[in-house]
Amino acid sequence: MIKLSQILTEVEFKTYEAMVKVIYGEVEANKLGDVLRALPGVLTVTNAGANAEAKSSTFKVKVISQKSPEEAFSGFKKNATDKYSFINQVEIGTETIEEK
C-alpha cells in the first residue's frame, strides 16, 4: 500500500514568476493585489506600478504548478477573469516568465 507521503515526494511542482498587467473596473487599486493573492496556485503578488487614469496595474506574480509555465499563467488569467467581474483584462508578459 502506498502512503500519502510517498505520493507527495514523487509529485514535482515548479514555481514560475512573470510580470502581469491587470486592467480593472470598479475596485480600489490597493485591493487588487489582495484579490490576486487569493487565487489558486498564487504564491506572491508584488505591485510593480499603477496607472490610475487607465485603471491598470502591473504586478510581479509567482505561481506554483505541475504544468508548463504557459499553462500555469493561462490558468491564472482564466481564474482572475472568471472569479472577479471587475477584472476586465489580464495580460501576461510571456517574455518575462522565469522558472524559480
PDB file of N, CA and C in Angstrom:
ATOM      1  N   MET A   1       0.835  -1.179   0.000  1.00  0.00           N
ATOM      2  CA  MET A   1       0.000   0.000   0.000  1.00  0.00           C
ATOM      3  C   MET A   1       0.885   1.250   0.000  1.00  0.00           C
ATOM      4  N   ILE A   2       0.592   2.198  -0.888  1.00  0.00           N
ATOM      5  CA  ILE A   2       1.373   3.427  -0.997  1.00  0.00           C
ATOM      6  C   ILE A   2       0.856   4.457   0.006  1.00  0.00           C
ATOM      7  N   LYS A   3       1.796   5.057   0.709  1.00  0.00           N
ATOM      8  CA  LYS A   3       1.428   6.082   1.674  1.00  0.00           C
ATOM      9  C   LYS A   3       1.366   7.440   0.980  1.00  0.00           C
ATOM     10  N   LEU A   4       0.580   8.329   1.554  1.00  0.00           N
ATOM     11  CA  LEU A   4       0.430   9.670   1.009  1.00  0.00           C
ATOM     12  C   LEU A   4       1.774  10.381   0.921  1.00  0.00           C
ATOM     13  N   SER A   5       2.622  10.219   1.897  1.00  0.00           N
ATOM     14  CA  SER A   5       3.927  10.881   1.897  1.00  0.00           C
ATOM     15  C   SER A   5       4.782  10.428   0.714  1.00  0.00           C
ATOM     16  N   GLN A   6       4.658   9.169   0.301  1.00  0.00           N
ATOM     17  CA  GLN A   6       5.391   8.674  -0.856  1.00  0.00           C
ATOM     18  C   GLN A   6       4.881   9.317  -2.141  1.00  0.00           C
ATOM     19  N   ILE A   7       3.588   9.457  -2.237  1.00  0.00           N
ATOM     20  CA  ILE A   7       2.995  10.081  -3.422  1.00  0.00           C
ATOM     21  C   ILE A   7       3.434  11.536  -3.520  1.00  0.00           C
ATOM     22  N   LEU A   8       3.411  12.241  -2.399  1.00  0.00           N
ATOM     23  CA  LEU A   8       3.779  13.656  -2.406  1.00  0.00           C
ATOM     24  C   LEU A   8       5.239  13.885  -2.774  1.00  0.00           C
ATOM     25  N   THR A   9       6.112  12.964  -2.403  1.00  0.00           N
ATOM     26  CA  THR A   9       7.522  13.134  -2.753  1.00  0.00           C
ATOM     27  C   THR A   9       7.769  12.876  -4.233  1.00  0.00           C
ATOM     28  N   GLU A  10       6.864  12.160  -4.885  1.00  0.00           N
ATOM     29  CA  GLU A  10       7.011  11.884  -6.309  1.00  0.00           C
ATOM     30  C   GLU A  10       6.414  12.987  -7.179  1.00  0.00           C
ATOM     31  N   VAL A  11       5.555  13.809  -6.611  1.00  0.00           N
ATOM     32  CA  VAL A  11       4.918  14.890  -7.357  1.00  0.00           C
ATOM     33  C   VAL A  11       5.919  16.039  -7.494  1.00  0.00           C
ATOM     34  N   GLU A  12       6.042  16.546  -8.699  1.00  0.00           N
ATOM     35  CA  GLU A  12       7.002  17.617  -8.943  1.00  0.00           C
ATOM     36  C   GLU A  12       6.279  18.923  -9.242  1.00  0.00           C
ATOM     37  N   PHE A  13       6.447  19.880  -8.351  1.00  0.00           N
ATOM     38  CA  PHE A  13       5.887  21.207  -8.538  1.00  0.00           C
ATOM     39  C   PHE A  13       7.002  22.155  -8.949  1.00  0.00           C
ATOM     40  N   LYS A  14       6.650  23.129  -9.772  1.00  0.00           N
ATOM     41  CA  LYS A  14       7.607  24.154 -10.171  1.00  0.00           C
ATOM     42  C   LYS A  14       7.009  25.516  -9.887  1.00  0.00           C
ATOM     43  N   THR A  15       7.861  26.473  -9.613  1.00  0.00           N
ATOM     44  CA  THR A  15       7.388  27.839  -9.408  1.00  0.00           C
ATOM     45  C   THR A  15       7.853  28.699 -10.575  1.00  0.00           C
ATOM     46  N   TYR A  16       6.962  29.577 -11.002  1.00  0.00           N
ATOM     47  CA  TYR A  16       7.234  30.485 -12.114  1.00  0.00           C
ATOM     48  C   TYR A  16       6.883  31.902 -11.693  1.00  0.00           C
ATOM     49  N   GLU A  17       7.611  32.840 -12.262  1.00  0.00           N
ATOM     50  CA  GLU A  17       7.361  34.246 -11.962  1.00  0.00           C
ATOM     51  C   GLU A  17       7.269  35.010 -13.272  1.00  0.00           C
ATOM     52  N   ALA A  18       6.353  35.973 -13.342  1.00  0.00           N
ATOM     53  CA  ALA A  18       6.187  36.784 -14.551  1.00  0.00           C
ATOM     54  C   ALA A  18       5.574  38.119 -14.192  1.00  0.00           C
ATOM     55  N   MET A  19       5.726  39.067 -15.103  1.00  0.00           N
ATOM     56  CA  MET A  19       5.075  40.362 -14.971  1.00  0.00           C
ATOM     57  C   MET A  19       3.682  40.253 -15.580  1.00  0.00           C
ATOM     58  N   VAL A  20       2.697  40.796 -14.878  1.00  0.00           N
ATOM     59  CA  VAL A  20       1.297  40.693 -15.283  1.00  0.00           C
ATOM     60  C   VAL A  20       0.664  42.081 -15.215  1.00  0.00           C
ATOM     61  N   LYS A  21      -0.024  42.456 -16.286  1.00  0.00           N
ATOM     62  CA  LYS A  21      -0.758  43.726 -16.309  1.00  0.00           C
ATOM     63  C   LYS A  21      -2.237  43.414 -16.174  1.00  0.00           C
ATOM     64  N   VAL A  22      -2.894  44.096 -15.232  1.00  0.00           N
ATOM     65  CA  VAL A  22      -4.314  43.886 -14.974  1.00  0.00           C
ATOM     66  C   VAL A  22      -5.054  45.191 -15.249  1.00  0.00           C
ATOM     67  N   ILE A  23      -6.052  45.111 -16.118  1.00  0.00           N
ATOM     68  CA  ILE A  23      -6.928  46.245 -16.398  1.00  0.00           C
ATOM     69  C   ILE A  23      -8.243  45.952 -15.678  1.00  0.00           C
ATOM     70  N   TYR A  24      -8.676  46.900 -14.865  1.00  0.00           N
ATOM     71  CA  TYR A  24      -9.795  46.643 -13.969  1.00  0.00           C
ATOM     72  C   TYR A  24     -10.862  47.725 -14.065  1.00  0.00           C
ATOM     73  N   GLY A  25     -12.011  47.409 -13.491  1.00  0.00           N
ATOM     74  CA  GLY A  25     -13.139  48.338 -13.460  1.00  0.00           C
ATOM     75  C   GLY A  25     -13.267  48.974 -12.096  1.00  0.00           C
ATOM     76  N   GLU A  26     -14.411  48.791 -11.480  1.00  0.00           N
ATOM     77  CA  GLU A  26     -14.720  49.438 -10.204  1.00  0.00           C
ATOM     78  C   GLU A  26     -14.191  48.629  -9.026  1.00  0.00           C
ATOM     79  N   VAL A  27     -12.980  48.942  -8.613  1.00  0.00           N
ATOM     80  CA  VAL A  27     -12.369  48.364  -7.412  1.00  0.00           C
ATOM     81  C   VAL A  27     -11.258  49.309  -6.976  1.00  0.00           C
ATOM     82  N   GLU A  28     -10.982  49.318  -5.690  1.00  0.00           N
ATOM     83  CA  GLU A  28      -9.867  50.117  -5.199  1.00  0.00           C
ATOM     84  C   GLU A  28      -8.568  49.459  -5.649  1.00  0.00           C
ATOM     85  N   ALA A  29      -7.688  50.243  -6.242  1.00  0.00           N
ATOM     86  CA  ALA A  29      -6.443  49.707  -6.799  1.00  0.00           C
ATOM     87  C   ALA A  29      -5.603  49.002  -5.745  1.00  0.00           C
ATOM     88  N   ASN A  30      -5.616  49.499  -4.513  1.00  0.00           N
ATOM     89  CA  ASN A  30      -4.798  48.871  -3.471  1.00  0.00           C
ATOM     90  C   ASN A  30      -5.349  47.520  -3.027  1.00  0.00           C
ATOM     91  N   LYS A  31      -6.579  47.187  -3.354  1.00  0.00           N
ATOM     92  CA  LYS A  31      -7.161  45.889  -3.011  1.00  0.00           C
ATOM     93  C   LYS A  31      -6.962  44.856  -4.119  1.00  0.00           C
ATOM     94  N   LEU A  32      -6.541  45.311  -5.280  1.00  0.00           N
ATOM     95  CA  LEU A  32      -6.372  44.416  -6.419  1.00  0.00           C
ATOM     96  C   LEU A  32      -5.325  43.335  -6.141  1.00  0.00           C
ATOM     97  N   GLY A  33      -4.215  43.710  -5.547  1.00  0.00           N
ATOM     98  CA  GLY A  33      -3.184  42.736  -5.202  1.00  0.00           C
ATOM     99  C   GLY A  33      -3.695  41.673  -4.251  1.00  0.00           C
ATOM    100  N   ASP A  34      -4.534  42.091  -3.303  1.00  0.00           N
ATOM    101  CA  ASP A  34      -5.085  41.142  -2.329  1.00  0.00           C
ATOM    102  C   ASP A  34      -5.967  40.093  -3.002  1.00  0.00           C
ATOM    103  N   VAL A  35      -6.809  40.519  -3.953  1.00  0.00           N
ATOM    104  CA  VAL A  35      -7.688  39.543  -4.603  1.00  0.00           C
ATOM    105  C   VAL A  35      -6.895  38.607  -5.507  1.00  0.00           C
ATOM    106  N   LEU A  36      -5.801  39.104  -6.100  1.00  0.00           N
ATOM    107  CA  LEU A  36      -4.960  38.230  -6.932  1.00  0.00           C
ATOM    108  C   LEU A  36      -4.249  37.197  -6.073  1.00  0.00           C
ATOM    109  N   ARG A  37      -3.830  37.582  -4.871  1.00  0.00           N
ATOM    110  CA  ARG A  37      -3.166  36.641  -3.954  1.00  0.00           C
ATOM    111  C   ARG A  37      -4.094  35.509  -3.529  1.00  0.00           C
ATOM    112  N   ALA A  38      -5.390  35.749  -3.576  1.00  0.00           N
ATOM    113  CA  ALA A  38      -6.366  34.747  -3.145  1.00  0.00           C
ATOM    114  C   ALA A  38      -6.634  33.686  -4.205  1.00  0.00           C
ATOM    115  N   LEU A  39      -6.105  33.852  -5.405  1.00  0.00           N
ATOM    116  CA  LEU A  39      -6.351  32.884  -6.477  1.00  0.00           C
ATOM    117  C   LEU A  39      -5.564  31.597  -6.247  1.00  0.00           C
ATOM    118  N   PRO A  40      -6.081  30.466  -6.701  1.00  0.00           N
ATOM    119  CA  PRO A  40      -5.395  29.185  -6.522  1.00  0.00           C
ATOM    120  C   PRO A  40      -4.034  29.173  -7.228  1.00  0.00           C
ATOM    121  N   GLY A  41      -3.041  28.653  -6.547  1.00  0.00           N
ATOM    122  CA  GLY A  41      -1.712  28.496  -7.126  1.00  0.00           C
ATOM    123  C   GLY A  41      -0.827  29.722  -7.028  1.00  0.00           C
ATOM    124  N   VAL A  42      -1.346  30.835  -6.537  1.00  0.00           N
ATOM    125  CA  VAL A  42      -0.561  32.066  -6.442  1.00  0.00           C
ATOM    126  C   VAL A  42       0.221  32.064  -5.137  1.00  0.00           C
ATOM    127  N   LEU A  43       1.535  32.267  -5.260  1.00  0.00           N
ATOM    128  CA  LEU A  43       2.387  32.321  -4.073  1.00  0.00           C
ATOM    129  C   LEU A  43       2.592  33.755  -3.601  1.00  0.00           C
ATOM    130  N   THR A  44       3.008  34.633  -4.521  1.00  0.00           N
ATOM    131  CA  THR A  44       3.235  36.030  -4.158  1.00  0.00           C
ATOM    132  C   THR A  44       2.747  36.951  -5.264  1.00  0.00           C
ATOM    133  N   VAL A  45       2.357  38.152  -4.871  1.00  0.00           N
ATOM    134  CA  VAL A  45       1.969  39.210  -5.800  1.00  0.00           C
ATOM    135  C   VAL A  45       2.618  40.492  -5.292  1.00  0.00           C
ATOM    136  N   THR A  46       3.467  41.087  -6.123  1.00  0.00           N
ATOM    137  CA  THR A  46       4.155  42.317  -5.764  1.00  0.00           C
ATOM    138  C   THR A  46       3.749  43.402  -6.736  1.00  0.00           C
ATOM    139  N   ASN A  47       3.296  44.539  -6.207  1.00  0.00           N
ATOM    140  CA  ASN A  47       2.878  45.656  -7.051  1.00  0.00           C
ATOM    141  C   ASN A  47       4.111  46.293  -7.674  1.00  0.00           C
ATOM    142  N   ALA A  48       4.119  46.395  -9.005  1.00  0.00           N
ATOM    143  CA  ALA A  48       5.254  46.961  -9.719  1.00  0.00           C
ATOM    144  C   ALA A  48       4.928  48.312 -10.339  1.00  0.00           C
ATOM    145  N   GLY A  49       3.688  48.765 -10.205  1.00  0.00           N
ATOM    146  CA  GLY A  49       3.311  50.063 -10.742  1.00  0.00           C
ATOM    147  C   GLY A  49       1.837  50.112 -11.066  1.00  0.00           C
ATOM    148  N   ALA A  50       1.303  51.336 -11.104  1.00  0.00           N
ATOM    149  CA  ALA A  50      -0.116  51.502 -11.393  1.00  0.00           C
ATOM    150  C   ALA A  50      -0.338  52.753 -12.219  1.00  0.00           C
ATOM    151  N   ASN A  51      -1.398  52.742 -12.999  1.00  0.00           N
ATOM    152  CA  ASN A  51      -1.836  53.893 -13.765  1.00  0.00           C
ATOM    153  C   ASN A  51      -3.312  54.078 -13.449  1.00  0.00           C
ATOM    154  N   ALA A  52      -3.603  54.951 -12.487  1.00  0.00           N
ATOM    155  CA  ALA A  52      -4.975  55.133 -12.013  1.00  0.00           C
ATOM    156  C   ALA A  52      -5.891  55.650 -13.111  1.00  0.00           C
ATOM    157  N   GLU A  53      -5.382  56.497 -13.999  1.00  0.00           N
ATOM    158  CA  GLU A  53      -6.210  57.039 -15.076  1.00  0.00           C
ATOM    159  C   GLU A  53      -6.655  55.945 -16.042  1.00  0.00           C
ATOM    160  N   ALA A  54      -5.752  55.029 -16.370  1.00  0.00           N
ATOM    161  CA  ALA A  54      -6.067  53.936 -17.294  1.00  0.00           C
ATOM    162  C   ALA A  54      -6.669  52.737 -16.576  1.00  0.00           C
ATOM    163  N   LYS A  55      -6.768  52.835 -15.243  1.00  0.00           N
ATOM    164  CA  LYS A  55      -7.266  51.726 -14.420  1.00  0.00           C
ATOM    165  C   LYS A  55      -6.524  50.431 -14.738  1.00  0.00           C
ATOM    166  N   SER A  56      -5.195  50.518 -14.667  1.00  0.00           N
ATOM    167  CA  SER A  56      -4.367  49.333 -14.878  1.00  0.00           C
ATOM    168  C   SER A  56      -3.254  49.304 -13.837  1.00  0.00           C
ATOM    169  N   SER A  57      -2.853  48.124 -13.487  1.00  0.00           N
ATOM    170  CA  SER A  57      -1.753  47.909 -12.554  1.00  0.00           C
ATOM    171  C   SER A  57      -0.876  46.790 -13.077  1.00  0.00           C
ATOM    172  N   THR A  58       0.406  46.884 -12.771  1.00  0.00           N
ATOM    173  CA  THR A  58       1.360  45.852 -13.151  1.00  0.00           C
ATOM    174  C   THR A  58       1.866  45.178 -11.878  1.00  0.00           C
ATOM    175  N   PHE A  59       1.932  43.858 -11.926  1.00  0.00           N
ATOM    176  CA  PHE A  59       2.357  43.073 -10.776  1.00  0.00           C
ATOM    177  C   PHE A  59       3.402  42.053 -11.198  1.00  0.00           C
ATOM    178  N   LYS A  60       4.269  41.709 -10.249  1.00  0.00           N
ATOM    179  CA  LYS A  60       5.142  40.548 -10.405  1.00  0.00           C
ATOM    180  C   LYS A  60       4.441  39.423  -9.664  1.00  0.00           C
ATOM    181  N   VAL A  61       4.068  38.370 -10.397  1.00  0.00           N
ATOM    182  CA  VAL A  61       3.273  37.283  -9.826  1.00  0.00           C
ATOM    183  C   VAL A  61       4.084  35.989  -9.865  1.00  0.00           C
ATOM    184  N   LYS A  62       4.094  35.293  -8.730  1.00  0.00           N
ATOM    185  CA  LYS A  62       4.759  33.989  -8.653  1.00  0.00           C
ATOM    186  C   LYS A  62       3.688  32.937  -8.415  1.00  0.00           C
ATOM    187  N   VAL A  63       3.687  31.898  -9.261  1.00  0.00           N
ATOM    188  CA  VAL A  63       2.715  30.815  -9.150  1.00  0.00           C
ATOM    189  C   VAL A  63       3.440  29.481  -8.977  1.00  0.00           C
ATOM    190  N   ILE A  64       2.715  28.497  -8.452  1.00  0.00           N
ATOM    191  CA  ILE A  64       3.231  27.141  -8.327  1.00  0.00           C
ATOM    192  C   ILE A  64       2.310  26.227  -9.115  1.00  0.00           C
ATOM    193  N   SER A  65       2.921  25.287  -9.862  1.00  0.00           N
ATOM    194  CA  SER A  65       2.114  24.424 -10.712  1.00  0.00           C
ATOM    195  C   SER A  65       2.903  23.184 -11.110  1.00  0.00           C
ATOM    196  N   GLN A  66       2.153  22.177 -11.537  1.00  0.00           N
ATOM    197  CA  GLN A  66       2.770  20.997 -12.139  1.00  0.00           C
ATOM    198  C   GLN A  66       2.801  21.141 -13.653  1.00  0.00           C
ATOM    199  N   LYS A  67       2.197  22.185 -14.159  1.00  0.00           N
ATOM    200  CA  LYS A  67       2.060  22.389 -15.601  1.00  0.00           C
ATOM    201  C   LYS A  67       3.219  23.224 -16.139  1.00  0.00           C
ATOM    202  N   SER A  68       3.215  23.415 -17.443  1.00  0.00           N
ATOM    203  CA  SER A  68       4.227  24.270 -18.078  1.00  0.00           C
ATOM    204  C   SER A  68       3.978  25.719 -17.666  1.00  0.00           C
ATOM    205  N   PRO A  69       4.957  26.595 -17.826  1.00  0.00           N
ATOM    206  CA  PRO A  69       4.758  27.991 -17.430  1.00  0.00           C
ATOM    207  C   PRO A  69       3.594  28.658 -18.161  1.00  0.00           C
ATOM    208  N   GLU A  70       3.454  28.377 -19.445  1.00  0.00           N
ATOM    209  CA  GLU A  70       2.372  28.979 -20.228  1.00  0.00           C
ATOM    210  C   GLU A  70       1.008  28.518 -19.724  1.00  0.00           C
ATOM    211  N   GLU A  71       0.894  27.231 -19.420  1.00  0.00           N
ATOM    212  CA  GLU A  71      -0.369  26.692 -18.903  1.00  0.00           C
ATOM    213  C   GLU A  71      -0.675  27.242 -17.509  1.00  0.00           C
ATOM    214  N   ALA A  72       0.360  27.387 -16.689  1.00  0.00           N
ATOM    215  CA  ALA A  72       0.172  27.896 -15.331  1.00  0.00           C
ATOM    216  C   ALA A  72      -0.362  29.325 -15.359  1.00  0.00           C
ATOM    217  N   PHE A  73       0.227  30.173 -16.193  1.00  0.00           N
ATOM    218  CA  PHE A  73      -0.228  31.563 -16.250  1.00  0.00           C
ATOM    219  C   PHE A  73      -1.527  31.710 -17.023  1.00  0.00           C
ATOM    220  N   SER A  74      -1.789  30.812 -17.936  1.00  0.00           N
ATOM    221  CA  SER A  74      -3.083  30.803 -18.616  1.00  0.00           C
ATOM    222  C   SER A  74      -4.185  30.490 -17.605  1.00  0.00           C
ATOM    223  N   GLY A  75      -3.922  29.547 -16.707  1.00  0.00           N
ATOM    224  CA  GLY A  75      -4.866  29.221 -15.647  1.00  0.00           C
ATOM    225  C   GLY A  75      -5.065  30.388 -14.691  1.00  0.00           C
ATOM    226  N   PHE A  76      -3.974  31.079 -14.362  1.00  0.00           N
ATOM    227  CA  PHE A  76      -4.063  32.266 -13.507  1.00  0.00           C
ATOM    228  C   PHE A  76      -4.958  33.324 -14.159  1.00  0.00           C
ATOM    229  N   LYS A  77      -4.744  33.555 -15.448  1.00  0.00           N
ATOM    230  CA  LYS A  77      -5.524  34.548 -16.194  1.00  0.00           C
ATOM    231  C   LYS A  77      -7.010  34.179 -16.203  1.00  0.00           C
ATOM    232  N   LYS A  78      -7.299  32.918 -16.491  1.00  0.00           N
ATOM    233  CA  LYS A  78      -8.697  32.456 -16.539  1.00  0.00           C
ATOM    234  C   LYS A  78      -9.355  32.575 -15.170  1.00  0.00           C
ATOM    235  N   ASN A  79      -8.655  32.167 -14.125  1.00  0.00           N
ATOM    236  CA  ASN A  79      -9.204  32.265 -12.771  1.00  0.00           C
ATOM    237  C   ASN A  79      -9.501  33.718 -12.399  1.00  0.00           C
ATOM    238  N   ALA A  80      -8.593  34.622 -12.735  1.00  0.00           N
ATOM    239  CA  ALA A  80      -8.771  36.034 -12.373  1.00  0.00           C
ATOM    240  C   ALA A  80      -9.981  36.641 -13.071  1.00  0.00           C
ATOM    241  N   THR A  81     -10.118  36.385 -14.360  1.00  0.00           N
ATOM    242  CA  THR A  81     -11.222  36.994 -15.106  1.00  0.00           C
ATOM    243  C   THR A  81     -12.555  36.302 -14.816  1.00  0.00           C
ATOM    244  N   ASP A  82     -12.534  35.009 -14.538  1.00  0.00           N
ATOM    245  CA  ASP A  82     -13.773  34.291 -14.227  1.00  0.00           C
ATOM    246  C   ASP A  82     -14.281  34.601 -12.822  1.00  0.00           C
ATOM    247  N   LYS A  83     -13.362  34.708 -11.877  1.00  0.00           N
ATOM    248  CA  LYS A  83     -13.750  34.860 -10.476  1.00  0.00           C
ATOM    249  C   LYS A  83     -14.133  36.294 -10.115  1.00  0.00           C
ATOM    250  N   TYR A  84     -13.478  37.281 -10.727  1.00  0.00           N
ATOM    251  CA  TYR A  84     -13.699  38.676 -10.359  1.00  0.00           C
ATOM    252  C   TYR A  84     -14.228  39.457 -11.557  1.00  0.00           C
ATOM    253  N   SER A  85     -15.469  39.895 -11.466  1.00  0.00           N
ATOM    254  CA  SER A  85     -16.114  40.592 -12.583  1.00  0.00           C
ATOM    255  C   SER A  85     -15.497  41.967 -12.837  1.00  0.00           C
ATOM    256  N   PHE A  86     -14.844  42.547 -11.854  1.00  0.00           N
ATOM    257  CA  PHE A  86     -14.236  43.863 -12.033  1.00  0.00           C
ATOM    258  C   PHE A  86     -12.876  43.799 -12.735  1.00  0.00           C
ATOM    259  N   ILE A  87     -12.348  42.611 -12.969  1.00  0.00           N
ATOM    260  CA  ILE A  87     -11.113  42.478 -13.748  1.00  0.00           C
ATOM    261  C   ILE A  87     -11.510  42.308 -15.205  1.00  0.00           C
ATOM    262  N   ASN A  88     -11.181  43.309 -16.000  1.00  0.00           N
ATOM    263  CA  ASN A  88     -11.572  43.313 -17.403  1.00  0.00           C
ATOM    264  C   ASN A  88     -10.602  42.539 -18.287  1.00  0.00           C
ATOM    265  N   GLN A  89      -9.315  42.645 -17.986  1.00  0.00           N
ATOM    266  CA  GLN A  89      -8.320  42.016 -18.853  1.00  0.00           C
ATOM    267  C   GLN A  89      -7.055  41.723 -18.047  1.00  0.00           C
ATOM    268  N   VAL A  90      -6.421  40.601 -18.358  1.00  0.00           N
ATOM    269  CA  VAL A  90      -5.147  40.225 -17.751  1.00  0.00           C
ATOM    270  C   VAL A  90      -4.179  39.940 -18.887  1.00  0.00           C
ATOM    271  N   GLU A  91      -3.053  40.642 -18.888  1.00  0.00           N
ATOM    272  CA  GLU A  91      -2.025  40.435 -19.903  1.00  0.00           C
ATOM    273  C   GLU A  91      -0.786  39.873 -19.228  1.00  0.00           C
ATOM    274  N   ILE A  92      -0.359  38.708 -19.685  1.00  0.00           N
ATOM    275  CA  ILE A  92       0.833  38.049 -19.141  1.00  0.00           C
ATOM    276  C   ILE A  92       2.022  38.426 -20.011  1.00  0.00           C
ATOM    277  N   GLY A  93       3.076  38.926 -19.396  1.00  0.00           N
ATOM    278  CA  GLY A  93       4.308  39.222 -20.136  1.00  0.00           C
ATOM    279  C   GLY A  93       5.058  37.922 -20.371  1.00  0.00           C
ATOM    280  N   THR A  94       4.703  37.226 -21.451  1.00  0.00           N
ATOM    281  CA  THR A  94       5.263  35.886 -21.691  1.00  0.00           C
ATOM    282  C   THR A  94       6.786  35.901 -21.778  1.00  0.00           C
ATOM    283  N   GLU A  95       7.355  37.007 -22.237  1.00  0.00           N
ATOM    284  CA  GLU A  95       8.817  37.083 -22.329  1.00  0.00           C
ATOM    285  C   GLU A  95       9.456  37.272 -20.969  1.00  0.00           C
ATOM    286  N   THR A  96       8.647  37.574 -19.948  1.00  0.00           N
ATOM    287  CA  THR A  96       9.199  37.773 -18.597  1.00  0.00           C
ATOM    288  C   THR A  96       9.077  36.536 -17.716  1.00  0.00           C
ATOM    289  N   ILE A  97       8.481  35.463 -18.219  1.00  0.00           N
ATOM    290  CA  ILE A  97       8.289  34.247 -17.403  1.00  0.00           C
ATOM    291  C   ILE A  97       9.642  33.615 -17.112  1.00  0.00           C
ATOM    292  N   GLU A  98       9.852  33.352 -15.819  1.00  0.00           N
ATOM    293  CA  GLU A  98      11.075  32.676 -15.367  1.00  0.00           C
ATOM    294  C   GLU A  98      10.709  31.541 -14.424  1.00  0.00           C
ATOM    295  N   GLU A  99      11.469  30.463 -14.484  1.00  0.00           N
ATOM    296  CA  GLU A  99      11.299  29.401 -13.501  1.00  0.00           C
ATOM    297  C   GLU A  99      12.139  29.761 -12.294  1.00  0.00           C
ATOM    298  N   LYS A 100      11.563  29.643 -11.128  1.00  0.00           N
ATOM    299  CA  LYS A 100      12.266  29.991  -9.886  1.00  0.00           C
ATOM    300  C   LYS A 100      12.614  28.763  -9.089  1.00  0.00           C
TER     301      LYS A 100
END
